[in-house]
Amino acid sequence: MNYALYPWQTSQDHLINHAIMSGRLSHALLLCGESGLGKLDFAKQLTKRLLCQTNSSTPCNRCRGCLWFDNESHPDFYNICQIDETIKVDMIVKLFYFYSKKAM
C-alpha cells in the first residue's frame, strides 16, 4: 500500500529525512494538527520507510519489510490507535506485552 505525501507535508518530510540520513532521528515524533491534514498517512509512510530494508528515502514496496507492513503483519510494528479512537490503558498493556517478545 502506497501512502503519498501531500504538498504541505514536504518540509516536515525533508526535516525527518535529514534526521534519518544524519543518524539523529528522535525516538518519538508527535504529529499534531487539524483533522483532515493527512497525519495518519504521513505516519504510515514514515513507518513503512523505516521498516523498509532498502534504506532509501522512500519505501521500495517489494522487500519483506514493505510487504509485511502492507499486510499488517510486520513483527516490529504494533499499531495502538486508529482514527478517532482514544488510547486506553488496555491498549498500552497489550503494547508492553507485544514488545516483551522478540521479533522474528
PDB file of N, CA and C in Angstrom:
ATOM      1  N   MET A   1       0.848  -1.167   0.000  1.00  0.00           N
ATOM      2  CA  MET A   1       0.000   0.000   0.000  1.00  0.00           C
ATOM      3  C   MET A   1       0.895   1.231   0.000  1.00  0.00           C
ATOM      4  N   ASN A   2       0.668   2.113  -0.931  1.00  0.00           N
ATOM      5  CA  ASN A   2       1.454   3.341  -1.012  1.00  0.00           C
ATOM      6  C   ASN A   2       0.719   4.484  -0.338  1.00  0.00           C
ATOM      7  N   TYR A   3       1.459   5.255   0.408  1.00  0.00           N
ATOM      8  CA  TYR A   3       0.915   6.427   1.055  1.00  0.00           C
ATOM      9  C   TYR A   3       1.649   7.628   0.480  1.00  0.00           C
ATOM     10  N   ALA A   4       0.948   8.449  -0.250  1.00  0.00           N
ATOM     11  CA  ALA A   4       1.571   9.617  -0.874  1.00  0.00           C
ATOM     12  C   ALA A   4       1.611  10.772   0.116  1.00  0.00           C
ATOM     13  N   LEU A   5       2.667  11.541   0.030  1.00  0.00           N
ATOM     14  CA  LEU A   5       2.760  12.742   0.849  1.00  0.00           C
ATOM     15  C   LEU A   5       1.959  13.855   0.187  1.00  0.00           C
ATOM     16  N   TYR A   6       1.345  14.666   1.000  1.00  0.00           N
ATOM     17  CA  TYR A   6       0.625  15.823   0.493  1.00  0.00           C
ATOM     18  C   TYR A   6       1.620  16.975   0.345  1.00  0.00           C
ATOM     19  N   PRO A   7       1.350  17.919  -0.548  1.00  0.00           N
ATOM     20  CA  PRO A   7       2.299  19.018  -0.770  1.00  0.00           C
ATOM     21  C   PRO A   7       2.669  19.782   0.495  1.00  0.00           C
ATOM     22  N   TRP A   8       1.747  19.919   1.428  1.00  0.00           N
ATOM     23  CA  TRP A   8       2.028  20.668   2.652  1.00  0.00           C
ATOM     24  C   TRP A   8       2.858  19.865   3.650  1.00  0.00           C
ATOM     25  N   GLN A   9       3.186  18.622   3.325  1.00  0.00           N
ATOM     26  CA  GLN A   9       3.995  17.796   4.221  1.00  0.00           C
ATOM     27  C   GLN A   9       5.455  17.712   3.786  1.00  0.00           C
ATOM     28  N   THR A  10       5.814  18.345   2.680  1.00  0.00           N
ATOM     29  CA  THR A  10       7.166  18.191   2.146  1.00  0.00           C
ATOM     30  C   THR A  10       8.239  18.749   3.065  1.00  0.00           C
ATOM     31  N   SER A  11       7.974  19.860   3.729  1.00  0.00           N
ATOM     32  CA  SER A  11       9.006  20.415   4.621  1.00  0.00           C
ATOM     33  C   SER A  11       9.237  19.509   5.825  1.00  0.00           C
ATOM     34  N   GLN A  12       8.173  18.939   6.387  1.00  0.00           N
ATOM     35  CA  GLN A  12       8.320  18.012   7.506  1.00  0.00           C
ATOM     36  C   GLN A  12       9.057  16.750   7.048  1.00  0.00           C
ATOM     37  N   ASP A  13       8.710  16.273   5.853  1.00  0.00           N
ATOM     38  CA  ASP A  13       9.367  15.085   5.306  1.00  0.00           C
ATOM     39  C   ASP A  13      10.853  15.354   5.102  1.00  0.00           C
ATOM     40  N   HIS A  14      11.183  16.534   4.614  1.00  0.00           N
ATOM     41  CA  HIS A  14      12.589  16.898   4.405  1.00  0.00           C
ATOM     42  C   HIS A  14      13.354  16.909   5.726  1.00  0.00           C
ATOM     43  N   LEU A  15      12.759  17.486   6.760  1.00  0.00           N
ATOM     44  CA  LEU A  15      13.414  17.531   8.074  1.00  0.00           C
ATOM     45  C   LEU A  15      13.643  16.126   8.638  1.00  0.00           C
ATOM     46  N   ILE A  16      12.646  15.280   8.490  1.00  0.00           N
ATOM     47  CA  ILE A  16      12.771  13.909   9.005  1.00  0.00           C
ATOM     48  C   ILE A  16      13.790  13.130   8.188  1.00  0.00           C
ATOM     49  N   ASN A  17      13.788  13.299   6.860  1.00  0.00           N
ATOM     50  CA  ASN A  17      14.787  12.623   6.020  1.00  0.00           C
ATOM     51  C   ASN A  17      16.199  13.040   6.423  1.00  0.00           C
ATOM     52  N   HIS A  18      16.391  14.318   6.683  1.00  0.00           N
ATOM     53  CA  HIS A  18      17.705  14.809   7.104  1.00  0.00           C
ATOM     54  C   HIS A  18      18.109  14.166   8.436  1.00  0.00           C
ATOM     55  N   ALA A  19      17.164  14.075   9.357  1.00  0.00           N
ATOM     56  CA  ALA A  19      17.458  13.452  10.654  1.00  0.00           C
ATOM     57  C   ALA A  19      17.817  11.979  10.489  1.00  0.00           C
ATOM     58  N   ILE A  20      17.114  11.288   9.603  1.00  0.00           N
ATOM     59  CA  ILE A  20      17.392   9.865   9.363  1.00  0.00           C
ATOM     60  C   ILE A  20      18.776   9.701   8.754  1.00  0.00           C
ATOM     61  N   MET A  21      19.069  10.474   7.713  1.00  0.00           N
ATOM     62  CA  MET A  21      20.339  10.343   6.998  1.00  0.00           C
ATOM     63  C   MET A  21      21.535  10.721   7.886  1.00  0.00           C
ATOM     64  N   SER A  22      21.329  11.626   8.835  1.00  0.00           N
ATOM     65  CA  SER A  22      22.428  12.019   9.717  1.00  0.00           C
ATOM     66  C   SER A  22      22.473  11.180  11.000  1.00  0.00           C
ATOM     67  N   GLY A  23      21.576  10.188  11.100  1.00  0.00           N
ATOM     68  CA  GLY A  23      21.565   9.311  12.265  1.00  0.00           C
ATOM     69  C   GLY A  23      21.068   9.985  13.525  1.00  0.00           C
ATOM     70  N   ARG A  24      20.224  11.000  13.365  1.00  0.00           N
ATOM     71  CA  ARG A  24      19.755  11.763  14.514  1.00  0.00           C
ATOM     72  C   ARG A  24      18.232  11.765  14.646  1.00  0.00           C
ATOM     73  N   LEU A  25      17.590  10.725  14.159  1.00  0.00           N
ATOM     74  CA  LEU A  25      16.137  10.643  14.294  1.00  0.00           C
ATOM     75  C   LEU A  25      15.776  10.390  15.747  1.00  0.00           C
ATOM     76  N   SER A  26      14.859  11.159  16.254  1.00  0.00           N
ATOM     77  CA  SER A  26      14.416  11.029  17.639  1.00  0.00           C
ATOM     78  C   SER A  26      13.719   9.682  17.855  1.00  0.00           C
ATOM     79  N   HIS A  27      13.635   9.262  19.104  1.00  0.00           N
ATOM     80  CA  HIS A  27      12.966   8.000  19.423  1.00  0.00           C
ATOM     81  C   HIS A  27      11.447   8.120  19.303  1.00  0.00           C
ATOM     82  N   ALA A  28      10.928   9.338  19.246  1.00  0.00           N
ATOM     83  CA  ALA A  28       9.477   9.534  19.140  1.00  0.00           C
ATOM     84  C   ALA A  28       9.203  10.837  18.397  1.00  0.00           C
ATOM     85  N   LEU A  29       8.108  10.844  17.677  1.00  0.00           N
ATOM     86  CA  LEU A  29       7.661  12.036  16.967  1.00  0.00           C
ATOM     87  C   LEU A  29       6.212  12.292  17.333  1.00  0.00           C
ATOM     88  N   LEU A  30       5.853  13.542  17.485  1.00  0.00           N
ATOM     89  CA  LEU A  30       4.471  13.920  17.753  1.00  0.00           C
ATOM     90  C   LEU A  30       3.950  14.651  16.531  1.00  0.00           C
ATOM     91  N   LEU A  31       2.954  14.062  15.893  1.00  0.00           N
ATOM     92  CA  LEU A  31       2.325  14.686  14.734  1.00  0.00           C
ATOM     93  C   LEU A  31       1.017  15.305  15.202  1.00  0.00           C
ATOM     94  N   CYS A  32       0.915  16.597  15.050  1.00  0.00           N
ATOM     95  CA  CYS A  32      -0.296  17.261  15.503  1.00  0.00           C
ATOM     96  C   CYS A  32      -0.764  18.250  14.444  1.00  0.00           C
ATOM     97  N   GLY A  33      -2.044  18.538  14.478  1.00  0.00           N
ATOM     98  CA  GLY A  33      -2.629  19.473  13.534  1.00  0.00           C
ATOM     99  C   GLY A  33      -4.115  19.235  13.409  1.00  0.00           C
ATOM    100  N   GLU A  34      -4.735  20.035  12.586  1.00  0.00           N
ATOM    101  CA  GLU A  34      -6.174  19.934  12.376  1.00  0.00           C
ATOM    102  C   GLU A  34      -6.541  18.579  11.753  1.00  0.00           C
ATOM    103  N   SER A  35      -7.757  18.164  11.949  1.00  0.00           N
ATOM    104  CA  SER A  35      -8.276  16.944  11.356  1.00  0.00           C
ATOM    105  C   SER A  35      -8.300  17.078   9.830  1.00  0.00           C
ATOM    106  N   GLY A  36      -7.947  16.020   9.139  1.00  0.00           N
ATOM    107  CA  GLY A  36      -8.010  16.005   7.685  1.00  0.00           C
ATOM    108  C   GLY A  36      -6.744  16.447   6.976  1.00  0.00           C
ATOM    109  N   LEU A  37      -5.655  16.647   7.724  1.00  0.00           N
ATOM    110  CA  LEU A  37      -4.407  17.097   7.103  1.00  0.00           C
ATOM    111  C   LEU A  37      -3.539  15.953   6.593  1.00  0.00           C
ATOM    112  N   GLY A  38      -3.886  14.718   6.915  1.00  0.00           N
ATOM    113  CA  GLY A  38      -3.118  13.578   6.433  1.00  0.00           C
ATOM    114  C   GLY A  38      -2.028  13.116   7.382  1.00  0.00           C
ATOM    115  N   LYS A  39      -2.196  13.379   8.668  1.00  0.00           N
ATOM    116  CA  LYS A  39      -1.188  12.981   9.648  1.00  0.00           C
ATOM    117  C   LYS A  39      -1.020  11.463   9.698  1.00  0.00           C
ATOM    118  N   LEU A  40      -2.120  10.738   9.629  1.00  0.00           N
ATOM    119  CA  LEU A  40      -2.043   9.279   9.677  1.00  0.00           C
ATOM    120  C   LEU A  40      -1.325   8.731   8.444  1.00  0.00           C
ATOM    121  N   ASP A  41      -1.635   9.270   7.266  1.00  0.00           N
ATOM    122  CA  ASP A  41      -0.941   8.841   6.044  1.00  0.00           C
ATOM    123  C   ASP A  41       0.549   9.153   6.137  1.00  0.00           C
ATOM    124  N   PHE A  42       0.886  10.323   6.670  1.00  0.00           N
ATOM    125  CA  PHE A  42       2.288  10.705   6.845  1.00  0.00           C
ATOM    126  C   PHE A  42       2.985   9.726   7.783  1.00  0.00           C
ATOM    127  N   ALA A  43       2.337   9.399   8.886  1.00  0.00           N
ATOM    128  CA  ALA A  43       2.922   8.468   9.857  1.00  0.00           C
ATOM    129  C   ALA A  43       3.113   7.080   9.248  1.00  0.00           C
ATOM    130  N   LYS A  44       2.153   6.626   8.469  1.00  0.00           N
ATOM    131  CA  LYS A  44       2.279   5.305   7.836  1.00  0.00           C
ATOM    132  C   LYS A  44       3.398   5.296   6.799  1.00  0.00           C
ATOM    133  N   GLN A  45       3.515   6.360   6.018  1.00  0.00           N
ATOM    134  CA  GLN A  45       4.585   6.460   5.025  1.00  0.00           C
ATOM    135  C   GLN A  45       5.944   6.434   5.715  1.00  0.00           C
ATOM    136  N   LEU A  46       6.083   7.191   6.786  1.00  0.00           N
ATOM    137  CA  LEU A  46       7.344   7.229   7.523  1.00  0.00           C
ATOM    138  C   LEU A  46       7.651   5.875   8.156  1.00  0.00           C
ATOM    139  N   THR A  47       6.657   5.258   8.755  1.00  0.00           N
ATOM    140  CA  THR A  47       6.862   3.953   9.385  1.00  0.00           C
ATOM    141  C   THR A  47       7.283   2.918   8.363  1.00  0.00           C
ATOM    142  N   LYS A  48       6.600   2.901   7.232  1.00  0.00           N
ATOM    143  CA  LYS A  48       6.947   1.941   6.180  1.00  0.00           C
ATOM    144  C   LYS A  48       8.368   2.182   5.683  1.00  0.00           C
ATOM    145  N   ARG A  49       8.731   3.448   5.547  1.00  0.00           N
ATOM    146  CA  ARG A  49      10.092   3.763   5.115  1.00  0.00           C
ATOM    147  C   ARG A  49      11.119   3.250   6.114  1.00  0.00           C
ATOM    148  N   LEU A  50      10.858   3.442   7.400  1.00  0.00           N
ATOM    149  CA  LEU A  50      11.799   2.998   8.418  1.00  0.00           C
ATOM    150  C   LEU A  50      11.896   1.475   8.495  1.00  0.00           C
ATOM    151  N   LEU A  51      10.829   0.780   8.159  1.00  0.00           N
ATOM    152  CA  LEU A  51      10.831  -0.681   8.189  1.00  0.00           C
ATOM    153  C   LEU A  51      11.308  -1.294   6.877  1.00  0.00           C
ATOM    154  N   CYS A  52      11.412  -0.484   5.825  1.00  0.00           N
ATOM    155  CA  CYS A  52      11.884  -0.957   4.521  1.00  0.00           C
ATOM    156  C   CYS A  52      13.354  -1.360   4.640  1.00  0.00           C
ATOM    157  N   GLN A  53      13.712  -2.441   3.984  1.00  0.00           N
ATOM    158  CA  GLN A  53      15.067  -2.968   4.091  1.00  0.00           C
ATOM    159  C   GLN A  53      16.043  -2.333   3.112  1.00  0.00           C
ATOM    160  N   THR A  54      15.583  -1.418   2.253  1.00  0.00           N
ATOM    161  CA  THR A  54      16.470  -0.820   1.255  1.00  0.00           C
ATOM    162  C   THR A  54      17.183   0.427   1.749  1.00  0.00           C
ATOM    163  N   ASN A  55      16.742   1.010   2.852  1.00  0.00           N
ATOM    164  CA  ASN A  55      17.348   2.234   3.405  1.00  0.00           C
ATOM    165  C   ASN A  55      17.365   3.384   2.404  1.00  0.00           C
ATOM    166  N   SER A  56      16.315   3.518   1.623  1.00  0.00           N
ATOM    167  CA  SER A  56      16.215   4.641   0.691  1.00  0.00           C
ATOM    168  C   SER A  56      15.260   5.682   1.271  1.00  0.00           C
ATOM    169  N   SER A  57      15.087   6.782   0.555  1.00  0.00           N
ATOM    170  CA  SER A  57      14.238   7.864   1.079  1.00  0.00           C
ATOM    171  C   SER A  57      12.751   7.578   0.910  1.00  0.00           C
ATOM    172  N   THR A  58      12.418   6.540   0.168  1.00  0.00           N
ATOM    173  CA  THR A  58      11.028   6.105   0.029  1.00  0.00           C
ATOM    174  C   THR A  58      10.976   4.586   0.128  1.00  0.00           C
ATOM    175  N   PRO A  59       9.878   4.026   0.593  1.00  0.00           N
ATOM    176  CA  PRO A  59       9.772   2.566   0.667  1.00  0.00           C
ATOM    177  C   PRO A  59       9.822   1.938  -0.721  1.00  0.00           C
ATOM    178  N   CYS A  60      10.450   0.779  -0.823  1.00  0.00           N
ATOM    179  CA  CYS A  60      10.584   0.107  -2.127  1.00  0.00           C
ATOM    180  C   CYS A  60       9.309  -0.623  -2.532  1.00  0.00           C
ATOM    181  N   ASN A  61       8.469  -0.991  -1.566  1.00  0.00           N
ATOM    182  CA  ASN A  61       7.230  -1.739  -1.794  1.00  0.00           C
ATOM    183  C   ASN A  61       7.462  -3.152  -2.303  1.00  0.00           C
ATOM    184  N   ARG A  62       8.690  -3.667  -2.208  1.00  0.00           N
ATOM    185  CA  ARG A  62       8.992  -5.009  -2.703  1.00  0.00           C
ATOM    186  C   ARG A  62       9.676  -5.905  -1.668  1.00  0.00           C
ATOM    187  N   CYS A  63      10.370  -5.309  -0.708  1.00  0.00           N
ATOM    188  CA  CYS A  63      11.109  -6.123   0.263  1.00  0.00           C
ATOM    189  C   CYS A  63      10.147  -6.745   1.287  1.00  0.00           C
ATOM    190  N   ARG A  64      10.692  -7.651   2.091  1.00  0.00           N
ATOM    191  CA  ARG A  64       9.866  -8.292   3.122  1.00  0.00           C
ATOM    192  C   ARG A  64       9.280  -7.283   4.090  1.00  0.00           C
ATOM    193  N   GLY A  65      10.086  -6.283   4.482  1.00  0.00           N
ATOM    194  CA  GLY A  65       9.600  -5.277   5.418  1.00  0.00           C
ATOM    195  C   GLY A  65       8.386  -4.537   4.879  1.00  0.00           C
ATOM    196  N   CYS A  66       8.450  -4.122   3.615  1.00  0.00           N
ATOM    197  CA  CYS A  66       7.323  -3.410   2.994  1.00  0.00           C
ATOM    198  C   CYS A  66       6.107  -4.319   2.840  1.00  0.00           C
ATOM    199  N   LEU A  67       6.338  -5.550   2.412  1.00  0.00           N
ATOM    200  CA  LEU A  67       5.214  -6.480   2.218  1.00  0.00           C
ATOM    201  C   LEU A  67       4.559  -6.830   3.550  1.00  0.00           C
ATOM    202  N   TRP A  68       5.357  -7.063   4.573  1.00  0.00           N
ATOM    203  CA  TRP A  68       4.796  -7.330   5.903  1.00  0.00           C
ATOM    204  C   TRP A  68       3.998  -6.131   6.405  1.00  0.00           C
ATOM    205  N   PHE A  69       4.553  -4.924   6.208  1.00  0.00           N
ATOM    206  CA  PHE A  69       3.844  -3.732   6.666  1.00  0.00           C
ATOM    207  C   PHE A  69       2.515  -3.587   5.935  1.00  0.00           C
ATOM    208  N   ASP A  70       2.513  -3.808   4.625  1.00  0.00           N
ATOM    209  CA  ASP A  70       1.271  -3.713   3.844  1.00  0.00           C
ATOM    210  C   ASP A  70       0.234  -4.733   4.288  1.00  0.00           C
ATOM    211  N   ASN A  71       0.706  -5.891   4.719  1.00  0.00           N
ATOM    212  CA  ASN A  71      -0.208  -6.954   5.183  1.00  0.00           C
ATOM    213  C   ASN A  71      -0.507  -6.846   6.678  1.00  0.00           C
ATOM    214  N   GLU A  72      -0.028  -5.763   7.302  1.00  0.00           N
ATOM    215  CA  GLU A  72      -0.218  -5.531   8.734  1.00  0.00           C
ATOM    216  C   GLU A  72       0.284  -6.699   9.577  1.00  0.00           C
ATOM    217  N   SER A  73       1.429  -7.267   9.164  1.00  0.00           N
ATOM    218  CA  SER A  73       1.988  -8.402   9.895  1.00  0.00           C
ATOM    219  C   SER A  73       3.475  -8.233  10.188  1.00  0.00           C
ATOM    220  N   HIS A  74       3.984  -7.001  10.136  1.00  0.00           N
ATOM    221  CA  HIS A  74       5.408  -6.791  10.406  1.00  0.00           C
ATOM    222  C   HIS A  74       5.669  -7.079  11.885  1.00  0.00           C
ATOM    223  N   PRO A  75       6.680  -7.909  12.176  1.00  0.00           N
ATOM    224  CA  PRO A  75       6.919  -8.289  13.575  1.00  0.00           C
ATOM    225  C   PRO A  75       7.436  -7.151  14.451  1.00  0.00           C
ATOM    226  N   ASP A  76       7.878  -6.055  13.859  1.00  0.00           N
ATOM    227  CA  ASP A  76       8.390  -4.936  14.647  1.00  0.00           C
ATOM    228  C   ASP A  76       7.440  -3.744  14.668  1.00  0.00           C
ATOM    229  N   PHE A  77       6.211  -3.937  14.238  1.00  0.00           N
ATOM    230  CA  PHE A  77       5.247  -2.837  14.220  1.00  0.00           C
ATOM    231  C   PHE A  77       3.975  -3.242  14.944  1.00  0.00           C
ATOM    232  N   TYR A  78       3.529  -2.363  15.822  1.00  0.00           N
ATOM    233  CA  TYR A  78       2.288  -2.596  16.556  1.00  0.00           C
ATOM    234  C   TYR A  78       1.525  -1.281  16.602  1.00  0.00           C
ATOM    235  N   ASN A  79       0.350  -1.246  16.029  1.00  0.00           N
ATOM    236  CA  ASN A  79      -0.466  -0.044  15.979  1.00  0.00           C
ATOM    237  C   ASN A  79      -1.412  -0.027  17.170  1.00  0.00           C
ATOM    238  N   ILE A  80      -1.325   1.018  17.989  1.00  0.00           N
ATOM    239  CA  ILE A  80      -2.187   1.063  19.175  1.00  0.00           C
ATOM    240  C   ILE A  80      -3.394   1.956  19.004  1.00  0.00           C
ATOM    241  N   CYS A  81      -3.471   2.706  17.926  1.00  0.00           N
ATOM    242  CA  CYS A  81      -4.568   3.649  17.817  1.00  0.00           C
ATOM    243  C   CYS A  81      -4.996   3.829  16.360  1.00  0.00           C
ATOM    244  N   GLN A  82      -6.269   3.826  16.142  1.00  0.00           N
ATOM    245  CA  GLN A  82      -6.828   4.110  14.829  1.00  0.00           C
ATOM    246  C   GLN A  82      -7.410   5.514  14.845  1.00  0.00           C
ATOM    247  N   ILE A  83      -7.925   5.955  13.736  1.00  0.00           N
ATOM    248  CA  ILE A  83      -8.522   7.283  13.646  1.00  0.00           C
ATOM    249  C   ILE A  83      -9.710   7.387  14.598  1.00  0.00           C
ATOM    250  N   ASP A  84      -9.838   8.529  15.270  1.00  0.00           N
ATOM    251  CA  ASP A  84     -10.946   8.847  16.168  1.00  0.00           C
ATOM    252  C   ASP A  84     -11.075   7.876  17.343  1.00  0.00           C
ATOM    253  N   GLU A  85      -9.976   7.350  17.794  1.00  0.00           N
ATOM    254  CA  GLU A  85     -10.007   6.425  18.929  1.00  0.00           C
ATOM    255  C   GLU A  85      -9.043   6.942  19.981  1.00  0.00           C
ATOM    256  N   THR A  86      -9.450   6.904  21.209  1.00  0.00           N
ATOM    257  CA  THR A  86      -8.552   7.326  22.277  1.00  0.00           C
ATOM    258  C   THR A  86      -7.694   6.143  22.713  1.00  0.00           C
ATOM    259  N   ILE A  87      -6.527   6.448  23.226  1.00  0.00           N
ATOM    260  CA  ILE A  87      -5.631   5.400  23.701  1.00  0.00           C
ATOM    261  C   ILE A  87      -6.066   5.013  25.107  1.00  0.00           C
ATOM    262  N   LYS A  88      -6.371   3.749  25.279  1.00  0.00           N
ATOM    263  CA  LYS A  88      -6.854   3.244  26.563  1.00  0.00           C
ATOM    264  C   LYS A  88      -5.753   2.432  27.252  1.00  0.00           C
ATOM    265  N   VAL A  89      -5.910   2.241  28.545  1.00  0.00           N
ATOM    266  CA  VAL A  89      -4.913   1.533  29.339  1.00  0.00           C
ATOM    267  C   VAL A  89      -4.678   0.125  28.806  1.00  0.00           C
ATOM    268  N   ASP A  90      -5.735  -0.589  28.432  1.00  0.00           N
ATOM    269  CA  ASP A  90      -5.552  -1.960  27.949  1.00  0.00           C
ATOM    270  C   ASP A  90      -4.759  -1.996  26.648  1.00  0.00           C
ATOM    271  N   MET A  91      -4.823  -0.932  25.853  1.00  0.00           N
ATOM    272  CA  MET A  91      -4.012  -0.866  24.632  1.00  0.00           C
ATOM    273  C   MET A  91      -2.526  -0.780  24.970  1.00  0.00           C
ATOM    274  N   ILE A  92      -2.204  -0.021  26.006  1.00  0.00           N
ATOM    275  CA  ILE A  92      -0.811   0.111  26.424  1.00  0.00           C
ATOM    276  C   ILE A  92      -0.318  -1.192  27.044  1.00  0.00           C
ATOM    277  N   VAL A  93      -1.166  -1.875  27.793  1.00  0.00           N
ATOM    278  CA  VAL A  93      -0.801  -3.171  28.360  1.00  0.00           C
ATOM    279  C   VAL A  93      -0.484  -4.154  27.231  1.00  0.00           C
ATOM    280  N   LYS A  94      -1.318  -4.176  26.193  1.00  0.00           N
ATOM    281  CA  LYS A  94      -1.063  -5.054  25.045  1.00  0.00           C
ATOM    282  C   LYS A  94       0.225  -4.659  24.331  1.00  0.00           C
ATOM    283  N   LEU A  95       0.505  -3.366  24.264  1.00  0.00           N
ATOM    284  CA  LEU A  95       1.741  -2.899  23.647  1.00  0.00           C
ATOM    285  C   LEU A  95       2.958  -3.398  24.419  1.00  0.00           C
ATOM    286  N   PHE A  96       2.934  -3.296  25.746  1.00  0.00           N
ATOM    287  CA  PHE A  96       4.045  -3.802  26.556  1.00  0.00           C
ATOM    288  C   PHE A  96       4.222  -5.305  26.364  1.00  0.00           C
ATOM    289  N   TYR A  97       3.114  -6.041  26.277  1.00  0.00           N
ATOM    290  CA  TYR A  97       3.208  -7.485  26.040  1.00  0.00           C
ATOM    291  C   TYR A  97       3.835  -7.749  24.688  1.00  0.00           C
ATOM    292  N   PHE A  98       3.433  -7.005  23.659  1.00  0.00           N
ATOM    293  CA  PHE A  98       3.982  -7.157  22.311  1.00  0.00           C
ATOM    294  C   PHE A  98       5.489  -6.945  22.316  1.00  0.00           C
ATOM    295  N   TYR A  99       5.953  -5.892  22.969  1.00  0.00           N
ATOM    296  CA  TYR A  99       7.370  -5.577  22.959  1.00  0.00           C
ATOM    297  C   TYR A  99       8.185  -6.416  23.938  1.00  0.00           C
ATOM    298  N   SER A 100       7.528  -7.187  24.784  1.00  0.00           N
ATOM    299  CA  SER A 100       8.285  -8.092  25.652  1.00  0.00           C
ATOM    300  C   SER A 100       8.717  -9.345  24.906  1.00  0.00           C
ATOM    301  N   LYS A 101       8.140  -9.568  23.720  1.00  0.00           N
ATOM    302  CA  LYS A 101       8.504 -10.704  22.886  1.00  0.00           C
ATOM    303  C   LYS A 101       9.599 -10.259  21.919  1.00  0.00           C
ATOM    304  N   LYS A 102      10.361 -11.215  21.419  1.00  0.00           N
ATOM    305  CA  LYS A 102      11.390 -10.914  20.454  1.00  0.00           C
ATOM    306  C   LYS A 102      10.826 -10.966  19.042  1.00  0.00           C
ATOM    307  N   ALA A 103      11.363 -10.121  18.173  1.00  0.00           N
ATOM    308  CA  ALA A 103      10.954 -10.120  16.770  1.00  0.00           C
ATOM    309  C   ALA A 103      11.500 -11.380  16.100  1.00  0.00           C
ATOM    310  N   MET A 104      10.905 -11.716  14.989  1.00  0.00           N
ATOM    311  CA  MET A 104      11.334 -12.911  14.246  1.00  0.00           C
ATOM    312  C   MET A 104      12.654 -12.680  13.569  1.00  0.00           C
TER     313      MET A 104
END
